Amino acid sequence: MVRYMSIYIAGRINIDIFIEIDGILSRGRKYRGRVLFTDVGGTAANIATSIARIDRNLKPKLLGAVGKDYEQFVYEKLSLEGVDLQHLKVLEGESGKAYILMEPYGESTIITLPGVNDLYEEHYVPNRIDDAKALAICNTTRSVATKLIDMARITDIPIFIDPHNLWPDLVGSIKRSSGTCFYLPNEHELATYAKVDVDNISIIKKYSEEIGCSIIVKMGERGAIGIHDGSVIRVSALPLERLGLKVLSTAGCGDTFTGVFIAIYLKKHDVVEALKHASVAAGIKATRISSRASPSMDEILNVVEVVERRNLIDLKIVKI
């Protein structure tokens, strides 16, 4: 009998409300809008979904909370994807909400109300995660993140960190970890939480060495940069217009990137391949509205084949 390992993902599960507005957001203005639809979202749910769509045998397991108001909705949506919800807690209070304001050209502004996400603490985390192949730590609470990092140190499994404002409090714990670590901020998070400019490669390399993590920076239309194993890896974004596609919503693109990067890395143990597939997947997601609308593995492979045949994606590796 084959025993599959699991990827534990700690972070927020939200109810996403997508609102189309009739202009470009500016302070002090009024806008007319309409609700397009509601879906399950949140960083952890988005990442778990994208991993499951690459390979259900990776068995993504969510560590997070939902309120009783949307309990059935969340279970129905995520169970269909193959996400393991045995550690999902249903708590008193309202589920987290994300109001996603979609501008005419696809740029999204997101307003979140954390709800019971902020009530998920370390005592809800299982005391043993013997089946863990990897941990993904997202926008969970500090106590949960700290406990998981300590557990990963004991089991020596890879840690993938998709940061939010908790990151500065975790640096000390990460430095003491001995296993494989990936830090996956976007360029704004890198500047805000790590005080590092994405265009200063020497400083990023120094920071990577200081914290003991490879650094993967998501840069949207500029693609992505990886600092890993003494190399800088640059990959361009998917050229949507040249493929006859257009952006519908940027919400969830970073989560798709992170989830696909984790899945491909764990399957192939190749950072270059993981970066390439993650960049393509994020581009595909941008052509869809839901923040959980990550592509399947077959969809990614089909697009990779097209862009490589037509030389539409640029990938460079430079030793540093």
C-alpha atoms as a PDB file:
ATOM      1  CA  MET A   1       0.000   0.000   0.000  1.00  0.00           C
ATOM      2  CA  VAL A   2       1.396   3.413  -1.017  1.00  0.00           C
ATOM      3  CA  ARG A   3       1.583   5.918   1.843  1.00  0.00           C
ATOM      4  CA  TYR A   4       1.494   9.504   0.640  1.00  0.00           C
ATOM      5  CA  MET A   5       3.076  12.354   2.522  1.00  0.00           C
ATOM      6  CA  SER A   6       1.258  15.642   3.080  1.00  0.00           C
ATOM      7  CA  ILE A   7       1.943  19.346   2.711  1.00  0.00           C
ATOM      8  CA  TYR A   8       0.649  21.315   5.685  1.00  0.00           C
ATOM      9  CA  ILE A   9      -0.468  24.871   4.846  1.00  0.00           C
ATOM     10  CA  ALA A  10      -1.137  27.331   7.662  1.00  0.00           C
ATOM     11  CA  GLY A  11      -2.927  30.578   6.949  1.00  0.00           C
ATOM     12  CA  ARG A  12      -6.198  32.310   6.250  1.00  0.00           C
ATOM     13  CA  ILE A  13      -9.349  30.921   4.713  1.00  0.00           C
ATOM     14  CA  ASN A  14     -11.591  33.742   3.498  1.00  0.00           C
ATOM     15  CA  ILE A  15     -14.858  34.236   1.722  1.00  0.00           C
ATOM     16  CA  ASP A  16     -14.033  36.275  -1.384  1.00  0.00           C
ATOM     17  CA  ILE A  17     -16.647  38.720  -2.667  1.00  0.00           C
ATOM     18  CA  PHE A  18     -15.727  39.951  -6.150  1.00  0.00           C
ATOM     19  CA  ILE A  19     -17.012  43.445  -6.929  1.00  0.00           C
ATOM     20  CA  GLU A  20     -16.611  44.969 -10.374  1.00  0.00           C
ATOM     21  CA  ILE A  21     -16.267  48.769 -10.251  1.00  0.00           C
ATOM     22  CA  ASP A  22     -16.651  51.276 -13.046  1.00  0.00           C
ATOM     23  CA  GLY A  23     -13.360  53.156 -12.784  1.00  0.00           C
ATOM     24  CA  ILE A  24      -9.786  53.326 -11.531  1.00  0.00           C
ATOM     25  CA  LEU A  25      -9.666  53.631  -7.755  1.00  0.00           C
ATOM     26  CA  SER A  26      -8.802  57.086  -6.442  1.00  0.00           C
ATOM     27  CA  ARG A  27      -9.225  58.627  -2.984  1.00  0.00           C
ATOM     28  CA  GLY A  28     -12.415  60.583  -2.372  1.00  0.00           C
ATOM     29  CA  ARG A  29     -14.335  59.304  -5.400  1.00  0.00           C
ATOM     30  CA  LYS A  30     -17.588  57.378  -5.569  1.00  0.00           C
ATOM     31  CA  TYR A  31     -17.916  54.270  -7.726  1.00  0.00           C
ATOM     32  CA  ARG A  32     -20.728  52.170  -9.052  1.00  0.00           C
ATOM     33  CA  GLY A  33     -20.199  48.443  -8.703  1.00  0.00           C
ATOM     34  CA  ARG A  34     -21.811  45.041  -8.906  1.00  0.00           C
ATOM     35  CA  VAL A  35     -21.085  41.776  -7.142  1.00  0.00           C
ATOM     36  CA  LEU A  36     -19.930  39.193  -9.685  1.00  0.00           C
ATOM     37  CA  PHE A  37     -19.801  36.131  -7.443  1.00  0.00           C
ATOM     38  CA  THR A  38     -18.595  34.754  -4.120  1.00  0.00           C
ATOM     39  CA  ASP A  39     -15.961  32.041  -3.676  1.00  0.00           C
ATOM     40  CA  VAL A  40     -13.663  30.545  -1.067  1.00  0.00           C
ATOM     41  CA  GLY A  41     -10.310  32.298  -0.969  1.00  0.00           C
ATOM     42  CA  GLY A  42      -7.596  33.388   1.414  1.00  0.00           C
ATOM     43  CA  THR A  43      -3.880  32.728   1.001  1.00  0.00           C
ATOM     44  CA  ALA A  44      -3.865  29.254   2.564  1.00  0.00           C
ATOM     45  CA  ALA A  45      -6.948  28.052   0.669  1.00  0.00           C
ATOM     46  CA  ASN A  46      -5.592  29.441  -2.598  1.00  0.00           C
ATOM     47  CA  ILE A  47      -2.187  27.797  -2.137  1.00  0.00           C
ATOM     48  CA  ALA A  48      -3.749  24.481  -1.095  1.00  0.00           C
ATOM     49  CA  THR A  49      -5.997  24.512  -4.163  1.00  0.00           C
ATOM     50  CA  SER A  50      -3.121  25.242  -6.540  1.00  0.00           C
ATOM     51  CA  ILE A  51      -1.068  22.378  -5.049  1.00  0.00           C
ATOM     52  CA  ALA A  52      -3.984  19.950  -5.354  1.00  0.00           C
ATOM     53  CA  ARG A  53      -4.508  20.926  -8.991  1.00  0.00           C
ATOM     54  CA  ILE A  54      -0.891  20.051  -9.740  1.00  0.00           C
ATOM     55  CA  ASP A  55      -1.085  16.672  -7.993  1.00  0.00           C
ATOM     56  CA  ARG A  56      -3.663  15.502  -5.442  1.00  0.00           C
ATOM     57  CA  ASN A  57      -1.149  12.933  -4.202  1.00  0.00           C
ATOM     58  CA  LEU A  58       0.755  15.819  -2.597  1.00  0.00           C
ATOM     59  CA  LYS A  59      -2.184  15.880  -0.150  1.00  0.00           C
ATOM     60  CA  PRO A  60      -2.406  19.547   0.907  1.00  0.00           C
ATOM     61  CA  LYS A  61      -3.746  19.838   4.479  1.00  0.00           C
ATOM     62  CA  LEU A  62      -5.139  23.135   5.720  1.00  0.00           C
ATOM     63  CA  LEU A  63      -4.380  24.518   9.170  1.00  0.00           C
ATOM     64  CA  GLY A  64      -6.841  27.340   9.706  1.00  0.00           C
ATOM     65  CA  ALA A  65     -10.306  28.391  10.815  1.00  0.00           C
ATOM     66  CA  VAL A  66     -13.700  29.209   9.386  1.00  0.00           C
ATOM     67  CA  GLY A  67     -16.844  30.519  11.060  1.00  0.00           C
ATOM     68  CA  LYS A  68     -20.095  28.607  11.280  1.00  0.00           C
ATOM     69  CA  ASP A  69     -21.647  31.085   8.840  1.00  0.00           C
ATOM     70  CA  TYR A  70     -19.744  29.602   5.864  1.00  0.00           C
ATOM     71  CA  GLU A  71     -18.764  26.183   7.210  1.00  0.00           C
ATOM     72  CA  GLN A  72     -20.670  24.145   4.627  1.00  0.00           C
ATOM     73  CA  PHE A  73     -19.662  26.420   1.742  1.00  0.00           C
ATOM     74  CA  VAL A  74     -15.950  26.068   2.563  1.00  0.00           C
ATOM     75  CA  TYR A  75     -16.127  22.307   3.058  1.00  0.00           C
ATOM     76  CA  GLU A  76     -17.974  21.774  -0.218  1.00  0.00           C
ATOM     77  CA  LYS A  77     -15.646  23.947  -2.307  1.00  0.00           C
ATOM     78  CA  LEU A  78     -12.321  22.726  -0.925  1.00  0.00           C
ATOM     79  CA  SER A  79     -13.224  19.058  -0.534  1.00  0.00           C
ATOM     80  CA  LEU A  80     -14.043  18.915  -4.233  1.00  0.00           C
ATOM     81  CA  GLU A  81     -10.497  20.084  -4.961  1.00  0.00           C
ATOM     82  CA  GLY A  82      -8.920  17.310  -2.903  1.00  0.00           C
ATOM     83  CA  VAL A  83      -7.803  19.578  -0.043  1.00  0.00           C
ATOM     84  CA  ASP A  84      -7.622  17.745   3.315  1.00  0.00           C
ATOM     85  CA  LEU A  85      -9.736  19.598   5.893  1.00  0.00           C
ATOM     86  CA  GLN A  86      -9.368  17.318   8.922  1.00  0.00           C
ATOM     87  CA  HIS A  87      -7.519  20.054  10.846  1.00  0.00           C
ATOM     88  CA  LEU A  88      -9.811  22.916   9.784  1.00  0.00           C
ATOM     89  CA  LYS A  89     -11.483  24.395  12.866  1.00  0.00           C
ATOM     90  CA  VAL A  90     -15.033  25.749  12.853  1.00  0.00           C
ATOM     91  CA  LEU A  91     -15.125  28.550  15.429  1.00  0.00           C
ATOM     92  CA  GLU A  92     -17.725  30.877  16.874  1.00  0.00           C
ATOM     93  CA  GLY A  93     -17.729  34.121  14.957  1.00  0.00           C
ATOM     94  CA  GLU A  94     -17.696  35.265  11.356  1.00  0.00           C
ATOM     95  CA  SER A  95     -15.513  33.771   8.670  1.00  0.00           C
ATOM     96  CA  GLY A  96     -12.806  35.978   7.228  1.00  0.00           C
ATOM     97  CA  LYS A  97     -13.965  38.107   4.312  1.00  0.00           C
ATOM     98  CA  ALA A  98     -12.124  39.636   1.390  1.00  0.00           C
ATOM     99  CA  TYR A  99     -13.815  42.309  -0.692  1.00  0.00           C
ATOM    100  CA  ILE A 100     -12.027  42.303  -4.043  1.00  0.00           C
ATOM    101  CA  LEU A 101     -12.568  45.520  -5.993  1.00  0.00           C
ATOM    102  CA  MET A 102     -11.874  44.845  -9.653  1.00  0.00           C
ATOM    103  CA  GLU A 103     -10.936  47.755 -11.894  1.00  0.00           C
ATOM    104  CA  PRO A 104     -11.744  47.698 -15.654  1.00  0.00           C
ATOM    105  CA  TYR A 105      -8.255  46.496 -16.672  1.00  0.00           C
ATOM    106  CA  GLY A 106      -7.976  43.690 -14.154  1.00  0.00           C
ATOM    107  CA  GLU A 107      -6.055  45.333 -11.327  1.00  0.00           C
ATOM    108  CA  SER A 108      -7.564  44.322  -7.987  1.00  0.00           C
ATOM    109  CA  THR A 109      -7.669  46.100  -4.644  1.00  0.00           C
ATOM    110  CA  ILE A 110      -8.449  43.823  -1.700  1.00  0.00           C
ATOM    111  CA  ILE A 111      -9.975  44.791   1.644  1.00  0.00           C
ATOM    112  CA  THR A 112      -9.905  41.982   4.207  1.00  0.00           C
ATOM    113  CA  LEU A 113     -11.766  41.423   7.455  1.00  0.00           C
ATOM    114  CA  PRO A 114      -9.865  38.647   9.274  1.00  0.00           C
ATOM    115  CA  GLY A 115     -12.776  37.251  11.297  1.00  0.00           C
ATOM    116  CA  VAL A 116     -12.001  33.925  13.004  1.00  0.00           C
ATOM    117  CA  ASN A 117      -8.677  33.633  11.152  1.00  0.00           C
ATOM    118  CA  ASP A 118      -7.168  35.605  14.037  1.00  0.00           C
ATOM    119  CA  LEU A 119      -8.553  33.074  16.550  1.00  0.00           C
ATOM    120  CA  TYR A 120      -6.644  30.079  15.171  1.00  0.00           C
ATOM    121  CA  GLU A 121      -3.880  29.459  17.730  1.00  0.00           C
ATOM    122  CA  GLU A 122      -1.190  26.871  18.409  1.00  0.00           C
ATOM    123  CA  HIS A 123      -3.405  24.545  20.486  1.00  0.00           C
ATOM    124  CA  TYR A 124      -5.401  23.775  17.335  1.00  0.00           C
ATOM    125  CA  VAL A 125      -2.277  22.520  15.536  1.00  0.00           C
ATOM    126  CA  PRO A 126      -1.753  18.748  15.785  1.00  0.00           C
ATOM    127  CA  ASN A 127       1.108  17.822  18.112  1.00  0.00           C
ATOM    128  CA  ARG A 128       2.522  15.387  15.577  1.00  0.00           C
ATOM    129  CA  ILE A 129       2.828  15.814  11.830  1.00  0.00           C
ATOM    130  CA  ASP A 130       4.708  12.617  11.025  1.00  0.00           C
ATOM    131  CA  ASP A 131       3.234  12.530   7.521  1.00  0.00           C
ATOM    132  CA  ALA A 132       4.499  16.025   6.664  1.00  0.00           C
ATOM    133  CA  LYS A 133       6.566  16.286   3.484  1.00  0.00           C
ATOM    134  CA  ALA A 134       6.744  20.083   3.781  1.00  0.00           C
ATOM    135  CA  LEU A 135       5.258  23.082   5.573  1.00  0.00           C
ATOM    136  CA  ALA A 136       3.868  26.225   3.975  1.00  0.00           C
ATOM    137  CA  ILE A 137       3.508  29.077   6.451  1.00  0.00           C
ATOM    138  CA  CYS A 138       1.373  31.955   5.226  1.00  0.00           C
ATOM    139  CA  ASN A 139      -0.651  34.612   7.049  1.00  0.00           C
ATOM    140  CA  THR A 140      -1.375  32.568  10.153  1.00  0.00           C
ATOM    141  CA  THR A 141      -0.958  33.697  13.772  1.00  0.00           C
ATOM    142  CA  ARG A 142       2.452  34.068  15.390  1.00  0.00           C
ATOM    143  CA  SER A 143       1.932  31.191  17.856  1.00  0.00           C
ATOM    144  CA  VAL A 144       0.988  28.798  15.041  1.00  0.00           C
ATOM    145  CA  ALA A 145       3.927  29.836  12.861  1.00  0.00           C
ATOM    146  CA  THR A 146       6.406  29.474  15.725  1.00  0.00           C
ATOM    147  CA  LYS A 147       5.098  26.036  16.678  1.00  0.00           C
ATOM    148  CA  LEU A 148       5.273  24.808  13.087  1.00  0.00           C
ATOM    149  CA  ILE A 149       8.816  26.088  12.583  1.00  0.00           C
ATOM    150  CA  ASP A 150       9.897  24.276  15.753  1.00  0.00           C
ATOM    151  CA  MET A 151       8.233  21.084  14.508  1.00  0.00           C
ATOM    152  CA  ALA A 152       9.904  21.412  11.102  1.00  0.00           C
ATOM    153  CA  ARG A 153      13.286  21.797  12.830  1.00  0.00           C
ATOM    154  CA  ILE A 154      12.793  18.438  14.537  1.00  0.00           C
ATOM    155  CA  THR A 155      11.593  16.596  11.425  1.00  0.00           C
ATOM    156  CA  ASP A 156      13.977  18.433   9.043  1.00  0.00           C
ATOM    157  CA  ILE A 157      11.351  19.023   6.353  1.00  0.00           C
ATOM    158  CA  PRO A 158      11.333  21.953   3.890  1.00  0.00           C
ATOM    159  CA  ILE A 159       9.641  25.191   4.938  1.00  0.00           C
ATOM    160  CA  PHE A 160       8.042  27.560   2.419  1.00  0.00           C
ATOM    161  CA  ILE A 161       7.147  30.999   3.774  1.00  0.00           C
ATOM    162  CA  ASP A 162       4.699  33.291   1.986  1.00  0.00           C
ATOM    163  CA  PRO A 163       5.038  36.344   4.215  1.00  0.00           C
ATOM    164  CA  HIS A 164       2.848  39.000   5.710  1.00  0.00           C
ATOM    165  CA  ASN A 165       3.524  41.404   8.586  1.00  0.00           C
ATOM    166  CA  LEU A 166       4.394  38.478  10.858  1.00  0.00           C
ATOM    167  CA  TRP A 167       7.687  37.901   9.030  1.00  0.00           C
ATOM    168  CA  PRO A 168       9.996  40.121  11.156  1.00  0.00           C
ATOM    169  CA  ASP A 169       8.952  38.179  14.289  1.00  0.00           C
ATOM    170  CA  LEU A 170       9.869  34.850  12.676  1.00  0.00           C
ATOM    171  CA  VAL A 171      13.352  35.646  11.365  1.00  0.00           C
ATOM    172  CA  GLY A 172      15.074  34.482  14.554  1.00  0.00           C
ATOM    173  CA  SER A 173      13.285  31.139  14.496  1.00  0.00           C
ATOM    174  CA  ILE A 174      14.020  30.629  10.807  1.00  0.00           C
ATOM    175  CA  LYS A 175      17.720  31.324  11.326  1.00  0.00           C
ATOM    176  CA  ARG A 176      17.887  28.457  13.796  1.00  0.00           C
ATOM    177  CA  SER A 177      16.337  26.011  11.340  1.00  0.00           C
ATOM    178  CA  SER A 178      18.701  23.585   9.638  1.00  0.00           C
ATOM    179  CA  GLY A 179      16.532  22.262   6.794  1.00  0.00           C
ATOM    180  CA  THR A 180      15.598  23.613   3.390  1.00  0.00           C
ATOM    181  CA  CYS A 181      13.866  26.990   3.527  1.00  0.00           C
ATOM    182  CA  PHE A 182      12.284  29.178   0.852  1.00  0.00           C
ATOM    183  CA  TYR A 183      11.130  32.743   1.489  1.00  0.00           C
ATOM    184  CA  LEU A 184       8.617  33.851  -1.197  1.00  0.00           C
ATOM    185  CA  PRO A 185       7.692  37.551  -0.890  1.00  0.00           C
ATOM    186  CA  ASN A 186       6.543  39.844  -3.646  1.00  0.00           C
ATOM    187  CA  GLU A 187       8.786  42.845  -4.281  1.00  0.00           C
ATOM    188  CA  HIS A 188       6.724  45.101  -1.997  1.00  0.00           C
ATOM    189  CA  GLU A 189       6.801  42.596   0.857  1.00  0.00           C
ATOM    190  CA  LEU A 190      10.561  42.186   0.424  1.00  0.00           C
ATOM    191  CA  ALA A 191      10.998  45.953   0.799  1.00  0.00           C
ATOM    192  CA  THR A 192       8.496  46.320   3.663  1.00  0.00           C
ATOM    193  CA  TYR A 193       9.289  43.316   5.847  1.00  0.00           C
ATOM    194  CA  ALA A 194      12.937  42.596   5.034  1.00  0.00           C
ATOM    195  CA  LYS A 195      13.975  46.189   4.158  1.00  0.00           C
ATOM    196  CA  VAL A 196      15.591  44.888   0.967  1.00  0.00           C
ATOM    197  CA  ASP A 197      15.321  46.386  -2.543  1.00  0.00           C
ATOM    198  CA  VAL A 198      14.539  43.796  -5.221  1.00  0.00           C
ATOM    199  CA  ASP A 199      16.910  45.519  -7.674  1.00  0.00           C
ATOM    200  CA  ASN A 200      19.907  45.151  -5.362  1.00  0.00           C
ATOM    201  CA  ILE A 201      20.976  41.558  -5.974  1.00  0.00           C
ATOM    202  CA  SER A 202      24.033  41.693  -3.723  1.00  0.00           C
ATOM    203  CA  ILE A 203      21.892  42.790  -0.773  1.00  0.00           C
ATOM    204  CA  ILE A 204      19.282  40.094  -1.475  1.00  0.00           C
ATOM    205  CA  LYS A 205      22.076  37.491  -1.595  1.00  0.00           C
ATOM    206  CA  LYS A 206      23.475  38.755   1.705  1.00  0.00           C
ATOM    207  CA  TYR A 207      20.017  38.646   3.286  1.00  0.00           C
ATOM    208  CA  SER A 208      19.451  35.133   1.937  1.00  0.00           C
ATOM    209  CA  GLU A 209      22.686  33.971   3.558  1.00  0.00           C
ATOM    210  CA  GLU A 210      21.827  35.740   6.805  1.00  0.00           C
ATOM    211  CA  ILE A 211      18.449  34.052   7.235  1.00  0.00           C
ATOM    212  CA  GLY A 212      19.462  30.706   5.746  1.00  0.00           C
ATOM    213  CA  CYS A 213      16.671  30.684   3.142  1.00  0.00           C
ATOM    214  CA  SER A 214      16.607  30.754  -0.619  1.00  0.00           C
ATOM    215  CA  ILE A 215      14.637  33.808  -1.721  1.00  0.00           C
ATOM    216  CA  ILE A 216      12.056  33.798  -4.494  1.00  0.00           C
ATOM    217  CA  VAL A 217      10.695  37.269  -5.316  1.00  0.00           C
ATOM    218  CA  LYS A 218       7.392  37.590  -7.197  1.00  0.00           C
ATOM    219  CA  MET A 219       7.306  40.721  -9.352  1.00  0.00           C
ATOM    220  CA  GLY A 220       4.071  40.520 -11.344  1.00  0.00           C
ATOM    221  CA  GLU A 221       4.563  41.826 -14.871  1.00  0.00           C
ATOM    222  CA  ARG A 222       8.334  41.814 -14.328  1.00  0.00           C
ATOM    223  CA  GLY A 223       8.408  38.075 -13.709  1.00  0.00           C
ATOM    224  CA  ALA A 224      10.310  36.571 -10.783  1.00  0.00           C
ATOM    225  CA  ILE A 225      13.826  36.326  -9.352  1.00  0.00           C
ATOM    226  CA  GLY A 226      15.289  33.460  -7.383  1.00  0.00           C
ATOM    227  CA  ILE A 227      18.416  33.564  -5.225  1.00  0.00           C
ATOM    228  CA  HIS A 228      19.343  29.928  -4.703  1.00  0.00           C
ATOM    229  CA  ASP A 229      22.492  27.842  -4.325  1.00  0.00           C
ATOM    230  CA  GLY A 230      24.859  30.611  -5.398  1.00  0.00           C
ATOM    231  CA  SER A 231      22.865  31.617  -8.470  1.00  0.00           C
ATOM    232  CA  VAL A 232      20.443  34.316  -9.573  1.00  0.00           C
ATOM    233  CA  ILE A 233      17.590  32.875 -11.608  1.00  0.00           C
ATOM    234  CA  ARG A 234      15.433  35.302 -13.565  1.00  0.00           C
ATOM    235  CA  VAL A 235      12.246  34.308 -15.352  1.00  0.00           C
ATOM    236  CA  SER A 236      10.008  36.628 -17.327  1.00  0.00           C
ATOM    237  CA  ALA A 237       6.266  36.890 -16.840  1.00  0.00           C
ATOM    238  CA  LEU A 238       3.903  35.130 -19.202  1.00  0.00           C
ATOM    239  CA  PRO A 239       3.373  37.516 -22.202  1.00  0.00           C
ATOM    240  CA  LEU A 240      -0.418  37.427 -22.169  1.00  0.00           C
ATOM    241  CA  GLU A 241      -1.044  39.859 -25.028  1.00  0.00           C
ATOM    242  CA  ARG A 242       1.252  37.934 -27.383  1.00  0.00           C
ATOM    243  CA  LEU A 243      -0.770  34.828 -26.566  1.00  0.00           C
ATOM    244  CA  GLY A 244      -4.049  36.611 -27.294  1.00  0.00           C
ATOM    245  CA  LEU A 245      -5.018  36.738 -23.628  1.00  0.00           C
ATOM    246  CA  LYS A 246      -5.899  39.579 -21.272  1.00  0.00           C
ATOM    247  CA  VAL A 247      -5.835  40.205 -17.546  1.00  0.00           C
ATOM    248  CA  LEU A 248      -9.172  39.800 -15.777  1.00  0.00           C
ATOM    249  CA  SER A 249      -8.032  39.842 -12.141  1.00  0.00           C
ATOM    250  CA  THR A 250      -4.659  39.936 -10.396  1.00  0.00           C
ATOM    251  CA  ALA A 251      -6.192  38.644  -7.130  1.00  0.00           C
ATOM    252  CA  GLY A 252      -4.582  35.356  -6.121  1.00  0.00           C
ATOM    253  CA  CYS A 253      -1.776  35.398  -8.699  1.00  0.00           C
ATOM    254  CA  GLY A 254       0.888  35.442  -5.993  1.00  0.00           C
ATOM    255  CA  ASP A 255      -0.820  32.575  -4.153  1.00  0.00           C
ATOM    256  CA  THR A 256      -0.959  30.534  -7.352  1.00  0.00           C
ATOM    257  CA  PHE A 257       2.740  31.222  -7.922  1.00  0.00           C
ATOM    258  CA  THR A 258       3.603  30.049  -4.407  1.00  0.00           C
ATOM    259  CA  GLY A 259       1.476  26.903  -4.564  1.00  0.00           C
ATOM    260  CA  VAL A 260       2.773  25.824  -7.961  1.00  0.00           C
ATOM    261  CA  PHE A 261       6.363  26.591  -6.967  1.00  0.00           C
ATOM    262  CA  ILE A 262       5.979  24.370  -3.879  1.00  0.00           C
ATOM    263  CA  ALA A 263       4.354  21.539  -5.817  1.00  0.00           C
ATOM    264  CA  ILE A 264       6.861  21.486  -8.691  1.00  0.00           C
ATOM    265  CA  TYR A 265       9.845  21.830  -6.385  1.00  0.00           C
ATOM    266  CA  LEU A 266       8.710  18.920  -4.229  1.00  0.00           C
ATOM    267  CA  LYS A 267       8.059  16.780  -7.302  1.00  0.00           C
ATOM    268  CA  LYS A 268      11.234  17.635  -9.249  1.00  0.00           C
ATOM    269  CA  HIS A 269      13.633  19.160  -6.680  1.00  0.00           C
ATOM    270  CA  ASP A 270      14.541  21.709  -9.350  1.00  0.00           C
ATOM    271  CA  VAL A 271      14.234  25.408  -8.503  1.00  0.00           C
ATOM    272  CA  VAL A 272      14.569  26.531 -12.131  1.00  0.00           C
ATOM    273  CA  GLU A 273      11.686  24.314 -13.271  1.00  0.00           C
ATOM    274  CA  ALA A 274       9.631  25.371 -10.257  1.00  0.00           C
ATOM    275  CA  LEU A 275      10.176  29.060 -11.046  1.00  0.00           C
ATOM    276  CA  LYS A 276       9.284  28.639 -14.718  1.00  0.00           C
ATOM    277  CA  HIS A 277       6.092  26.682 -14.063  1.00  0.00           C
ATOM    278  CA  ALA A 278       5.053  29.019 -11.235  1.00  0.00           C
ATOM    279  CA  SER A 279       5.476  32.099 -13.429  1.00  0.00           C
ATOM    280  CA  VAL A 280       3.404  30.537 -16.211  1.00  0.00           C
ATOM    281  CA  ALA A 281       0.722  29.446 -13.739  1.00  0.00           C
ATOM    282  CA  ALA A 282       0.457  32.941 -12.233  1.00  0.00           C
ATOM    283  CA  GLY A 283       0.015  34.390 -15.722  1.00  0.00           C
ATOM    284  CA  ILE A 284      -2.754  31.921 -16.535  1.00  0.00           C
ATOM    285  CA  LYS A 285      -4.489  32.741 -13.251  1.00  0.00           C
ATOM    286  CA  ALA A 286      -4.480  36.457 -14.154  1.00  0.00           C
ATOM    287  CA  THR A 287      -6.780  35.647 -17.079  1.00  0.00           C
ATOM    288  CA  ARG A 288      -9.408  34.316 -14.647  1.00  0.00           C
ATOM    289  CA  ILE A 289     -11.393  36.128 -11.975  1.00  0.00           C
ATOM    290  CA  SER A 290     -11.504  33.907  -8.885  1.00  0.00           C
ATOM    291  CA  SER A 291      -8.440  34.082  -6.657  1.00  0.00           C
ATOM    292  CA  ARG A 292      -8.552  30.263  -6.527  1.00  0.00           C
ATOM    293  CA  ALA A 293      -8.660  29.875 -10.316  1.00  0.00           C
ATOM    294  CA  SER A 294      -5.211  28.294 -10.555  1.00  0.00           C
ATOM    295  CA  PRO A 295      -4.535  26.095 -13.601  1.00  0.00           C
ATOM    296  CA  SER A 296      -4.137  22.322 -13.695  1.00  0.00           C
ATOM    297  CA  MET A 297      -0.807  20.686 -14.444  1.00  0.00           C
ATOM    298  CA  ASP A 298      -1.924  19.846 -17.982  1.00  0.00           C
ATOM    299  CA  GLU A 299      -2.894  23.479 -18.619  1.00  0.00           C
ATOM    300  CA  ILE A 300       0.494  24.682 -17.392  1.00  0.00           C
ATOM    301  CA  LEU A 301       2.402  22.137 -19.490  1.00  0.00           C
ATOM    302  CA  ASN A 302       0.456  23.097 -22.610  1.00  0.00           C
ATOM    303  CA  VAL A 303       1.297  26.785 -22.173  1.00  0.00           C
ATOM    304  CA  VAL A 304       4.943  26.042 -21.303  1.00  0.00           C
ATOM    305  CA  GLU A 305       5.251  24.052 -24.534  1.00  0.00           C
ATOM    306  CA  VAL A 306       3.824  26.958 -26.559  1.00  0.00           C
ATOM    307  CA  VAL A 307       5.957  29.713 -25.017  1.00  0.00           C
ATOM    308  CA  GLU A 308       9.144  27.655 -25.246  1.00  0.00           C
ATOM    309  CA  ARG A 309       8.487  26.756 -28.879  1.00  0.00           C
ATOM    310  CA  ARG A 310       7.859  30.416 -29.709  1.00  0.00           C
ATOM    311  CA  ASN A 311      10.651  31.741 -27.446  1.00  0.00           C
ATOM    312  CA  LEU A 312       8.157  33.851 -25.499  1.00  0.00           C
ATOM    313  CA  ILE A 313       9.624  33.284 -22.045  1.00  0.00           C
ATOM    314  CA  ASP A 314      13.060  34.426 -20.964  1.00  0.00           C
ATOM    315  CA  LEU A 315      14.962  32.436 -18.355  1.00  0.00           C
ATOM    316  CA  LYS A 316      18.499  33.321 -17.236  1.00  0.00           C
ATOM    317  CA  ILE A 317      20.792  31.780 -14.639  1.00  0.00           C
ATOM    318  CA  VAL A 318      23.868  33.662 -13.417  1.00  0.00           C
ATOM    319  CA  LYS A 319      26.333  32.451 -10.787  1.00  0.00           C
ATOM    320  CA  ILE A 320      27.048  35.003  -8.034  1.00  0.00           C
END
